[in-house]
Amino acid sequence: MLLFGIQHVLVMAATPISSVFLVSSTLHLTPALTANLLSAAFVLSGLGSLLQSLGPWGFGARLPFVMLPGGAPLILFLSIADQHGLRTACGAVIITAVFYFVVLPVFSRLLRFFPTLVIGTMIVIVGVNLVKVGALLVTGRPGSSDFGEPGALLLGLATVGCTAAAYGLLRGTLRQLSVLLGLLAGTGLAALLGRVHPTAADGGALLHVPELMPFGTPQFNLLASVPLLVYSLASMAEATGQTVINSEAVGKEPDARRDAPRTIRGDAVISLAGGFFGLPLMVTSGENIGIVRITGVRSRFVTVTAGLVLVTIGFLAPVAWLVNAIPAPVVGGTALVVFGVITVLGVHMLGRSGLDDHTNTFVVAVALALGLLPILVPGVYDHLPPNLRILLESGVAVGAFSAALLHALFHRVPWRTRPAAETTEAPETADTAEATDTAGTDTADTAEAAQPAGTGATATAGDGSPAR
């Protein structure tokens, strides 16, 4: 259990570390403040993992989730801090966490517009975006002096190769630990090449306890918080997709209406605490879903163990130094494998969504095109107003909402064109079929897709009644 928990930690630990050092370097923080934020990031990541995995009192989905800071919320946090100060940025995080609770009841009622077709599209976009993140850890940023450096490419590809070799050659528990073994093998190769350099971030102290409100009392500015408030809608959509795909990964029947609000409440309460410790929004980690699928270890108590390890790292400064010593290309090589699995899971969901229906194919095509555009062409919306740009640059949000809107327009509205054979359909039966579709089964759509062209037969729903 400890080894599996450590495997989760090692895959995600680079994110909180890199997030803290990005905040530190961008805002020119002192070493003491940097050490404090690093400690808080690990402790709250651990507490969030415990909350999501155990799910007490309706907070947390009771799924093997790990939480961390980073991604788009980090960039928005830095932007607010740069324009209005760190105290206002922390206040914006707290306001956004409260906003989660306020808007969640409305969002829960909208989840019926997110069937498997929409969730699968969103997961594919999430996976592609994460693969890009992992690739940049290996290659470096385009235009930088170290972009495509051969040594980094060697480490990243070697890590991928070692992970694949471990999975193909080993059996049993060792095979389940293939991600961890690949990571360790890549780190060992990096050490032989002289690319592992452990450094103390806080002057060499053994223990470090996070300090409450390290930048002073948070300041609350609603206007300054708008970018994070806009992002929170995309974050809830992404949390919904992650909850569904994690449920499927552990063999649990997905129920977005029941489980997604629990995931979002867990994100909200940990983000609320994070605001008081000087951290950006805390979110569930998608890479750990990939680990669950690769290893086949479905127990949420593995991520409970990971949460305890993260809390321990937060208080034991030397452990953080060692984790931070893993070179970015090695972490990136591991991430490529794990994130690739998430993309495949999304494709698998789409395969069960009736893509033989040309309407569904069109919905997915448009949503993928719009969702992948800001990922594949960074900066495409730079000339738009800031708040609109924030929303459009979230490919996950754009793809999800596009798919949901098109699916509703083509499948749920009363003016949808229907075959001539269905003109005698009784209103009560149509309502029944539509209710079945609303429940997220898409039975009617599947039946319609299965109807042979030109037969003139009326498609039927699962209960035998005519379907729209």
Protein backbone atom coordinates (compact mmCIF):
# COMPACT_ATOMS: atom_id res chain seq x y z
CA MET A 1 0.00 0.00 0.00
CA LEU A 2 2.84 2.39 0.84
CA LEU A 3 4.62 1.71 -2.46
CA PHE A 4 1.46 2.32 -4.46
CA GLY A 5 0.82 5.50 -2.50
CA ILE A 6 4.37 6.73 -3.13
CA GLN A 7 3.90 6.00 -6.84
CA HIS A 8 0.96 8.43 -6.90
CA VAL A 9 2.97 11.02 -4.98
CA LEU A 10 6.03 10.86 -7.23
CA VAL A 11 3.94 11.31 -10.38
CA MET A 12 2.16 14.42 -9.06
CA ALA A 13 4.76 15.92 -6.71
CA ALA A 14 6.47 17.94 -9.44
CA THR A 15 3.30 20.02 -9.89
CA PRO A 16 3.10 21.59 -6.40
CA ILE A 17 6.87 22.07 -6.36
CA SER A 18 6.99 23.75 -9.74
CA SER A 19 3.90 25.82 -8.88
CA VAL A 20 5.51 27.17 -5.71
CA PHE A 21 8.80 27.98 -7.38
CA LEU A 22 6.98 29.65 -10.26
CA VAL A 23 5.14 31.87 -7.75
CA SER A 24 8.41 32.53 -5.94
CA SER A 25 10.41 33.46 -9.04
CA THR A 26 7.63 35.52 -10.63
CA LEU A 27 6.79 37.51 -7.50
CA HIS A 28 10.36 37.60 -6.10
CA LEU A 29 9.58 35.95 -2.77
CA THR A 30 12.14 35.37 -0.05
CA PRO A 31 13.52 31.84 0.56
CA ALA A 32 11.58 31.70 3.84
CA LEU A 33 8.27 32.46 2.11
CA THR A 34 9.09 29.94 -0.62
CA ALA A 35 9.74 27.22 1.96
CA ASN A 36 6.49 28.10 3.72
CA LEU A 37 4.44 27.87 0.52
CA LEU A 38 6.10 24.58 -0.42
CA SER A 39 5.23 23.11 2.97
CA ALA A 40 1.64 24.37 2.74
CA ALA A 41 1.26 23.01 -0.81
CA PHE A 42 2.22 19.49 0.25
CA VAL A 43 0.15 19.52 3.45
CA LEU A 44 -3.01 20.78 1.73
CA SER A 45 -2.48 18.43 -1.22
CA GLY A 46 -2.35 15.60 1.30
CA LEU A 47 -5.41 16.78 3.22
CA GLY A 48 -7.29 17.23 -0.05
CA SER A 49 -6.36 13.70 -1.12
CA LEU A 50 -7.64 12.34 2.19
CA LEU A 51 -10.87 14.31 1.85
CA GLN A 52 -11.55 13.22 -1.75
CA SER A 53 -10.67 9.58 -1.02
CA LEU A 54 -12.62 9.21 2.24
CA GLY A 55 -15.53 11.54 1.38
CA PRO A 56 -16.81 12.44 4.86
CA TRP A 57 -20.05 14.45 5.24
CA GLY A 58 -20.56 14.84 1.50
CA PHE A 59 -17.13 16.43 0.90
CA GLY A 60 -15.16 14.30 -1.55
CA ALA A 61 -16.23 11.70 -4.10
CA ARG A 62 -14.88 8.62 -2.22
CA LEU A 63 -12.68 7.90 -5.25
CA PRO A 64 -8.87 7.54 -5.60
CA PHE A 65 -8.18 11.25 -6.20
CA VAL A 66 -5.08 13.28 -5.37
CA MET A 67 -5.29 17.08 -5.13
CA LEU A 68 -2.74 19.73 -6.05
CA PRO A 69 -2.29 23.40 -7.01
CA GLY A 70 -1.23 24.44 -10.49
CA GLY A 71 -2.42 24.82 -14.06
CA ALA A 72 -4.73 27.63 -15.15
CA PRO A 73 -5.62 28.66 -11.55
CA LEU A 74 -1.93 29.29 -10.88
CA ILE A 75 -1.58 31.57 -13.90
CA LEU A 76 -4.69 33.52 -12.88
CA PHE A 77 -3.42 33.76 -9.30
CA LEU A 78 -0.12 35.21 -10.54
CA SER A 79 -1.94 37.67 -12.80
CA ILE A 80 -4.10 38.96 -9.93
CA ALA A 81 -1.08 39.14 -7.61
CA ASP A 82 0.89 41.09 -10.19
CA GLN A 83 -1.90 43.62 -10.74
CA HIS A 84 -3.41 43.92 -7.26
CA GLY A 85 -0.95 42.32 -4.81
CA LEU A 86 -0.64 38.95 -3.12
CA ARG A 87 -3.17 39.75 -0.40
CA THR A 88 -5.82 40.46 -3.04
CA ALA A 89 -4.87 37.28 -4.92
CA CYS A 90 -5.38 35.23 -1.75
CA GLY A 91 -8.72 36.99 -1.22
CA ALA A 92 -9.73 36.11 -4.79
CA VAL A 93 -9.04 32.43 -4.07
CA ILE A 94 -11.24 32.59 -0.96
CA ILE A 95 -14.06 34.37 -2.85
CA THR A 96 -13.91 31.76 -5.63
CA ALA A 97 -14.03 28.88 -3.13
CA VAL A 98 -17.19 30.37 -1.61
CA PHE A 99 -18.58 30.89 -5.14
CA TYR A 100 -18.25 27.13 -5.72
CA PHE A 101 -20.72 26.48 -2.90
CA VAL A 102 -23.13 29.20 -4.08
CA VAL A 103 -23.33 28.09 -7.72
CA LEU A 104 -23.09 24.31 -7.16
CA PRO A 105 -26.86 23.68 -6.68
CA VAL A 106 -27.57 25.25 -10.07
CA PHE A 107 -24.66 23.45 -11.72
CA SER A 108 -25.91 20.10 -10.38
CA ARG A 109 -29.22 20.59 -12.18
CA LEU A 110 -27.37 21.20 -15.44
CA LEU A 111 -25.47 17.89 -15.26
CA ARG A 112 -28.26 16.13 -17.18
CA PHE A 113 -26.97 18.01 -20.22
CA PHE A 114 -23.61 16.23 -19.86
CA PRO A 115 -24.21 12.64 -21.09
CA THR A 116 -21.47 10.18 -21.99
CA LEU A 117 -20.94 11.81 -25.39
CA VAL A 118 -20.13 15.17 -23.79
CA ILE A 119 -18.02 13.72 -20.97
CA GLY A 120 -16.01 11.58 -23.41
CA THR A 121 -15.28 14.62 -25.58
CA MET A 122 -14.14 16.56 -22.52
CA ILE A 123 -11.88 13.74 -21.35
CA VAL A 124 -10.16 13.54 -24.76
CA ILE A 125 -9.46 17.29 -24.62
CA VAL A 126 -8.20 17.00 -21.03
CA GLY A 127 -5.92 14.13 -22.04
CA VAL A 128 -4.46 15.95 -25.05
CA ASN A 129 -3.86 19.05 -22.93
CA LEU A 130 -2.13 16.99 -20.24
CA VAL A 131 0.03 15.19 -22.83
CA LYS A 132 1.18 18.60 -24.03
CA VAL A 133 2.02 19.59 -20.43
CA GLY A 134 4.07 16.41 -20.00
CA ALA A 135 5.81 16.93 -23.35
CA LEU A 136 6.88 20.46 -22.38
CA LEU A 137 8.53 19.04 -19.26
CA VAL A 138 10.69 16.94 -21.57
CA THR A 139 11.37 19.42 -24.36
CA GLY A 140 11.27 22.74 -22.53
CA ARG A 141 9.34 25.77 -23.72
CA PRO A 142 9.55 26.61 -27.46
CA GLY A 143 11.83 29.56 -27.97
CA SER A 144 13.81 28.95 -24.78
CA SER A 145 17.54 28.28 -24.88
CA ASP A 146 17.16 24.66 -23.73
CA PHE A 147 14.26 23.74 -26.03
CA GLY A 148 14.76 20.24 -27.46
CA GLU A 149 18.06 19.72 -25.62
CA PRO A 150 19.28 16.19 -26.53
CA GLY A 151 20.03 15.16 -22.94
CA ALA A 152 16.52 16.06 -21.81
CA LEU A 153 14.99 14.21 -24.75
CA LEU A 154 17.10 11.16 -23.91
CA LEU A 155 15.91 11.16 -20.28
CA GLY A 156 12.25 11.59 -21.23
CA LEU A 157 12.25 8.87 -23.89
CA ALA A 158 14.32 6.55 -21.69
CA THR A 159 11.76 6.95 -18.91
CA VAL A 160 8.95 6.05 -21.31
CA GLY A 161 10.95 3.04 -22.52
CA CYS A 162 11.73 1.82 -19.00
CA THR A 163 8.06 2.16 -18.00
CA ALA A 164 6.95 0.16 -21.04
CA ALA A 165 9.64 -2.47 -20.41
CA ALA A 166 8.62 -2.84 -16.77
CA TYR A 167 4.96 -3.23 -17.73
CA GLY A 168 5.74 -5.75 -20.48
CA LEU A 169 8.36 -7.89 -18.71
CA LEU A 170 7.20 -7.93 -15.08
CA ARG A 171 4.19 -9.57 -13.48
CA GLY A 172 2.04 -9.15 -10.40
CA THR A 173 2.78 -6.31 -7.99
CA LEU A 174 5.96 -5.29 -9.82
CA ARG A 175 3.98 -4.83 -13.02
CA GLN A 176 1.49 -2.66 -11.16
CA LEU A 177 4.42 -0.54 -10.00
CA SER A 178 5.69 -0.04 -13.56
CA VAL A 179 5.11 3.74 -13.46
CA LEU A 180 7.15 4.06 -10.26
CA LEU A 181 9.89 1.75 -11.58
CA GLY A 182 10.12 3.72 -14.83
CA LEU A 183 10.38 6.95 -12.85
CA LEU A 184 13.14 5.51 -10.64
CA ALA A 185 15.01 4.13 -13.65
CA GLY A 186 14.86 7.51 -15.37
CA THR A 187 16.09 9.23 -12.20
CA GLY A 188 18.94 6.72 -11.91
CA LEU A 189 19.99 7.45 -15.49
CA ALA A 190 19.80 11.17 -14.76
CA ALA A 191 22.05 10.67 -11.73
CA LEU A 192 24.61 8.85 -13.88
CA LEU A 193 24.55 11.78 -16.28
CA GLY A 194 25.04 14.24 -13.42
CA ARG A 195 21.61 15.85 -13.77
CA VAL A 196 20.27 15.23 -10.24
CA HIS A 197 20.96 18.14 -7.87
CA PRO A 198 19.12 18.09 -4.50
CA THR A 199 18.97 21.58 -3.00
CA ALA A 200 17.56 22.83 0.30
CA ALA A 201 14.87 25.46 -0.17
CA ASP A 202 14.69 26.67 3.44
CA GLY A 203 18.26 26.83 4.70
CA GLY A 204 18.57 23.17 5.68
CA ALA A 205 15.94 22.96 8.47
CA LEU A 206 14.62 19.48 9.27
CA LEU A 207 10.99 20.43 9.97
CA HIS A 208 8.77 23.13 8.54
CA VAL A 209 5.24 24.00 9.67
CA PRO A 210 3.09 26.04 7.24
CA GLU A 211 2.37 29.58 8.38
CA LEU A 212 -1.19 30.92 8.26
CA MET A 213 -1.66 34.06 6.09
CA PRO A 214 2.03 34.38 5.13
CA PHE A 215 1.37 37.59 3.14
CA GLY A 216 -0.87 39.21 5.74
CA THR A 217 -4.65 39.41 6.01
CA PRO A 218 -6.33 38.65 2.65
CA GLN A 219 -8.03 41.54 0.88
CA PHE A 220 -11.34 40.94 -0.89
CA ASN A 221 -11.88 42.62 -4.25
CA LEU A 222 -14.77 41.17 -6.25
CA LEU A 223 -13.76 42.82 -9.52
CA ALA A 224 -10.20 41.53 -9.25
CA SER A 225 -11.63 38.04 -8.61
CA VAL A 226 -13.61 37.90 -11.88
CA PRO A 227 -10.97 35.88 -13.81
CA LEU A 228 -10.98 33.15 -11.16
CA LEU A 229 -14.77 33.22 -10.90
CA VAL A 230 -15.06 32.69 -14.64
CA TYR A 231 -12.52 29.87 -14.50
CA SER A 232 -14.43 28.15 -11.66
CA LEU A 233 -17.22 27.22 -14.11
CA ALA A 234 -14.70 25.45 -16.32
CA SER A 235 -13.16 23.85 -13.26
CA MET A 236 -16.52 22.37 -12.23
CA ALA A 237 -17.02 20.97 -15.72
CA GLU A 238 -13.56 19.41 -15.63
CA ALA A 239 -14.18 17.99 -12.14
CA THR A 240 -17.36 16.39 -13.49
CA GLY A 241 -15.46 14.68 -16.29
CA GLN A 242 -12.70 13.51 -13.97
CA THR A 243 -15.26 12.09 -11.54
CA VAL A 244 -16.98 10.08 -14.28
CA ILE A 245 -13.74 8.73 -15.74
CA ASN A 246 -12.35 7.90 -12.28
CA SER A 247 -15.56 6.02 -11.43
CA GLU A 248 -15.18 3.97 -14.60
CA ALA A 249 -11.49 3.35 -13.88
CA VAL A 250 -12.33 1.76 -10.51
CA GLY A 251 -15.32 -0.20 -11.85
CA LYS A 252 -17.93 1.98 -10.11
CA GLU A 253 -21.13 2.88 -11.96
CA PRO A 254 -20.69 6.58 -12.90
CA ASP A 255 -23.32 8.92 -11.47
CA ALA A 256 -22.32 12.51 -12.23
CA ARG A 257 -25.31 14.00 -10.44
CA ARG A 258 -24.45 12.21 -7.23
CA ASP A 259 -20.65 12.20 -7.25
CA ALA A 260 -19.55 15.34 -9.13
CA PRO A 261 -20.99 17.75 -6.51
CA ARG A 262 -19.06 15.84 -3.84
CA THR A 263 -15.84 16.25 -5.82
CA ILE A 264 -16.51 19.97 -6.33
CA ARG A 265 -17.29 20.50 -2.65
CA GLY A 266 -13.98 18.82 -1.78
CA ASP A 267 -12.14 21.13 -4.20
CA ALA A 268 -13.93 24.13 -2.72
CA VAL A 269 -13.18 23.47 0.94
CA ILE A 270 -9.47 22.75 0.31
CA SER A 271 -9.20 25.84 -1.92
CA LEU A 272 -10.81 27.86 0.86
CA ALA A 273 -8.10 26.69 3.25
CA GLY A 274 -5.43 27.22 0.60
CA GLY A 275 -6.40 30.88 0.23
CA PHE A 276 -5.53 31.43 3.88
CA PHE A 277 -2.14 29.76 3.36
CA GLY A 278 -1.22 31.83 0.30
CA LEU A 279 -1.91 29.17 -2.36
CA PRO A 280 -3.87 29.25 -5.65
CA LEU A 281 -6.99 27.15 -6.19
CA MET A 282 -6.55 23.46 -5.37
CA VAL A 283 -7.94 20.96 -7.89
CA THR A 284 -8.17 17.19 -8.30
CA SER A 285 -5.31 15.65 -10.24
CA GLY A 286 -6.09 13.94 -13.55
CA GLU A 287 -2.78 12.09 -13.79
CA ASN A 288 -3.65 9.84 -10.87
CA ILE A 289 -6.65 8.49 -12.79
CA GLY A 290 -4.19 7.27 -15.41
CA ILE A 291 -2.13 5.51 -12.73
CA VAL A 292 -5.24 3.71 -11.46
CA ARG A 293 -5.98 2.48 -14.98
CA ILE A 294 -2.40 1.41 -15.73
CA THR A 295 -1.79 -0.42 -12.44
CA GLY A 296 -5.29 -1.84 -11.99
CA VAL A 297 -5.10 -0.95 -8.28
CA ARG A 298 -8.55 0.54 -7.67
CA SER A 299 -8.55 0.97 -3.90
CA ARG A 300 -9.15 4.54 -2.72
CA PHE A 301 -7.08 3.71 0.34
CA VAL A 302 -4.00 3.85 -1.90
CA THR A 303 -4.62 7.57 -2.34
CA VAL A 304 -5.41 7.80 1.38
CA THR A 305 -1.86 6.53 1.87
CA ALA A 306 -0.63 9.03 -0.72
CA GLY A 307 -2.37 11.79 1.22
CA LEU A 308 -0.60 10.78 4.42
CA VAL A 309 2.73 10.71 2.57
CA LEU A 310 2.08 14.19 1.18
CA VAL A 311 1.30 15.58 4.64
CA THR A 312 4.51 14.00 5.93
CA ILE A 313 6.50 15.57 3.09
CA GLY A 314 4.96 18.92 3.99
CA PHE A 315 6.43 18.76 7.48
CA LEU A 316 9.72 17.02 6.60
CA ALA A 317 11.70 19.51 4.53
CA PRO A 318 14.49 17.09 3.37
CA VAL A 319 11.92 14.81 1.70
CA ALA A 320 10.73 17.75 -0.39
CA TRP A 321 14.34 18.42 -1.45
CA LEU A 322 14.70 14.82 -2.70
CA VAL A 323 11.39 14.91 -4.58
CA ASN A 324 12.37 18.22 -6.12
CA ALA A 325 15.64 16.66 -7.27
CA ILE A 326 13.85 14.45 -9.85
CA PRO A 327 14.66 16.11 -13.20
CA ALA A 328 11.74 17.59 -15.12
CA PRO A 329 12.37 15.43 -18.27
CA VAL A 330 12.01 12.27 -16.16
CA VAL A 331 8.73 13.48 -14.67
CA GLY A 332 7.64 14.49 -18.16
CA GLY A 333 8.40 11.04 -19.58
CA THR A 334 6.26 9.45 -16.88
CA ALA A 335 3.53 12.01 -17.48
CA LEU A 336 3.42 11.21 -21.22
CA VAL A 337 2.47 7.61 -20.45
CA VAL A 338 -0.04 8.42 -17.73
CA PHE A 339 -1.69 11.28 -19.61
CA GLY A 340 -1.84 9.22 -22.78
CA VAL A 341 -3.90 6.65 -20.90
CA ILE A 342 -6.39 9.38 -19.92
CA THR A 343 -6.79 10.30 -23.60
CA VAL A 344 -7.46 6.66 -24.46
CA LEU A 345 -10.10 6.48 -21.72
CA GLY A 346 -11.88 9.42 -23.34
CA VAL A 347 -11.75 7.72 -26.74
CA HIS A 348 -13.16 4.57 -25.13
CA MET A 349 -16.09 6.56 -23.72
CA LEU A 350 -16.77 8.11 -27.13
CA GLY A 351 -16.78 4.62 -28.63
CA ARG A 352 -19.76 3.80 -26.42
CA SER A 353 -21.63 7.01 -27.30
CA GLY A 354 -23.22 6.02 -30.60
CA LEU A 355 -20.77 7.60 -33.02
CA ASP A 356 -22.36 5.58 -35.82
CA ASP A 357 -25.05 8.26 -35.59
CA HIS A 358 -23.88 11.06 -37.91
CA THR A 359 -25.39 13.68 -35.59
CA ASN A 360 -23.26 12.50 -32.67
CA THR A 361 -20.20 12.43 -34.92
CA PHE A 362 -20.85 16.04 -35.91
CA VAL A 363 -21.27 17.12 -32.27
CA VAL A 364 -17.95 15.53 -31.27
CA ALA A 365 -16.14 16.91 -34.33
CA VAL A 366 -17.18 20.52 -33.66
CA ALA A 367 -16.50 20.28 -29.91
CA LEU A 368 -13.05 18.78 -30.43
CA ALA A 369 -12.15 21.42 -33.02
CA LEU A 370 -13.15 24.29 -30.71
CA GLY A 371 -11.70 22.70 -27.60
CA LEU A 372 -8.32 21.78 -29.10
CA LEU A 373 -7.83 25.13 -30.88
CA PRO A 374 -6.40 27.07 -27.89
CA ILE A 375 -4.31 24.03 -26.91
CA LEU A 376 -2.74 23.49 -30.31
CA VAL A 377 -2.44 27.20 -31.18
CA PRO A 378 -1.48 29.04 -27.97
CA GLY A 379 -2.27 32.74 -27.96
CA VAL A 380 -5.01 32.51 -30.60
CA TYR A 381 -7.32 34.64 -28.44
CA ASP A 382 -4.74 37.17 -27.23
CA HIS A 383 -6.46 40.13 -28.93
CA LEU A 384 -9.85 39.53 -27.31
CA PRO A 385 -11.08 41.24 -24.08
CA PRO A 386 -9.37 39.73 -21.01
CA ASN A 387 -12.39 38.06 -19.37
CA LEU A 388 -13.61 36.57 -22.67
CA ARG A 389 -10.07 35.38 -23.41
CA ILE A 390 -9.85 33.61 -20.05
CA LEU A 391 -12.95 31.58 -20.83
CA LEU A 392 -12.08 30.78 -24.46
CA GLU A 393 -8.50 29.77 -23.63
CA SER A 394 -9.82 26.94 -21.46
CA GLY A 395 -10.10 24.27 -24.14
CA VAL A 396 -11.76 21.90 -21.69
CA ALA A 397 -14.55 24.38 -20.92
CA VAL A 398 -15.08 25.35 -24.57
CA GLY A 399 -15.17 21.72 -25.71
CA ALA A 400 -17.50 20.63 -22.91
CA PHE A 401 -19.98 23.46 -23.27
CA SER A 402 -19.94 23.21 -27.08
CA ALA A 403 -20.67 19.50 -26.95
CA ALA A 404 -23.41 19.99 -24.32
CA LEU A 405 -25.06 22.81 -26.30
CA LEU A 406 -24.98 20.98 -29.64
CA HIS A 407 -26.19 17.74 -28.06
CA ALA A 408 -29.12 19.61 -26.49
CA LEU A 409 -29.97 21.39 -29.74
CA PHE A 410 -29.87 18.24 -31.84
CA HIS A 411 -31.38 15.74 -29.41
CA ARG A 412 -33.59 17.49 -26.89
CA VAL A 413 -35.40 20.39 -28.52
CA PRO A 414 -38.99 19.99 -29.79
CA TRP A 415 -38.21 21.24 -33.29
CA ARG A 416 -35.70 18.46 -34.02
CA THR A 417 -36.45 16.85 -37.40
CA ARG A 418 -37.87 13.37 -37.03
CA PRO A 419 -38.33 10.53 -39.56
CA ALA A 420 -41.71 10.38 -41.33
CA ALA A 421 -42.43 6.98 -39.78
CA GLU A 422 -42.51 8.63 -36.37
CA THR A 423 -45.20 11.21 -37.18
CA THR A 424 -47.84 9.08 -35.46
CA GLU A 425 -45.82 8.83 -32.27
CA ALA A 426 -47.90 9.39 -29.14
CA PRO A 427 -46.87 12.41 -27.02
CA GLU A 428 -46.70 10.31 -23.88
CA THR A 429 -44.31 7.85 -25.52
CA ALA A 430 -42.08 10.61 -26.85
CA ASP A 431 -41.84 12.09 -23.39
CA THR A 432 -40.91 8.71 -22.00
CA ALA A 433 -38.15 8.27 -24.58
CA GLU A 434 -36.88 11.79 -23.97
CA ALA A 435 -36.84 11.16 -20.22
CA THR A 436 -34.78 8.08 -20.83
CA ASP A 437 -32.31 10.16 -22.86
CA THR A 438 -32.28 12.85 -20.16
CA ALA A 439 -31.20 10.28 -17.61
CA GLY A 440 -27.93 10.06 -19.53
CA THR A 441 -28.37 6.68 -21.20
CA ASP A 442 -28.71 7.97 -24.76
CA THR A 443 -30.82 4.87 -25.47
CA ALA A 444 -33.02 6.67 -27.94
CA ASP A 445 -30.04 8.00 -29.85
CA THR A 446 -28.48 4.57 -30.03
CA ALA A 447 -31.72 3.00 -31.25
CA GLU A 448 -32.08 5.67 -33.91
CA ALA A 449 -28.51 5.13 -35.05
CA ALA A 450 -29.10 1.37 -35.27
CA GLN A 451 -32.14 1.74 -37.55
CA PRO A 452 -31.24 0.52 -41.05
CA ALA A 453 -31.36 3.26 -43.65
CA GLY A 454 -34.35 3.18 -45.97
CA THR A 455 -36.36 0.50 -44.10
CA GLY A 456 -38.96 2.97 -42.87
CA ALA A 457 -39.13 1.10 -39.58
CA THR A 458 -39.74 2.98 -36.39
CA ALA A 459 -36.79 2.88 -33.99
CA THR A 460 -37.61 1.73 -30.49
CA ALA A 461 -36.25 2.60 -27.08
CA GLY A 462 -35.16 0.00 -24.57
CA ASP A 463 -38.72 -0.52 -23.31
CA GLY A 464 -40.06 -1.17 -26.82
CA SER A 465 -41.74 2.20 -27.24
CA PRO A 466 -41.06 4.39 -30.30
CA ALA A 467 -37.99 6.56 -29.80
CA ARG A 468 -37.28 10.00 -31.23
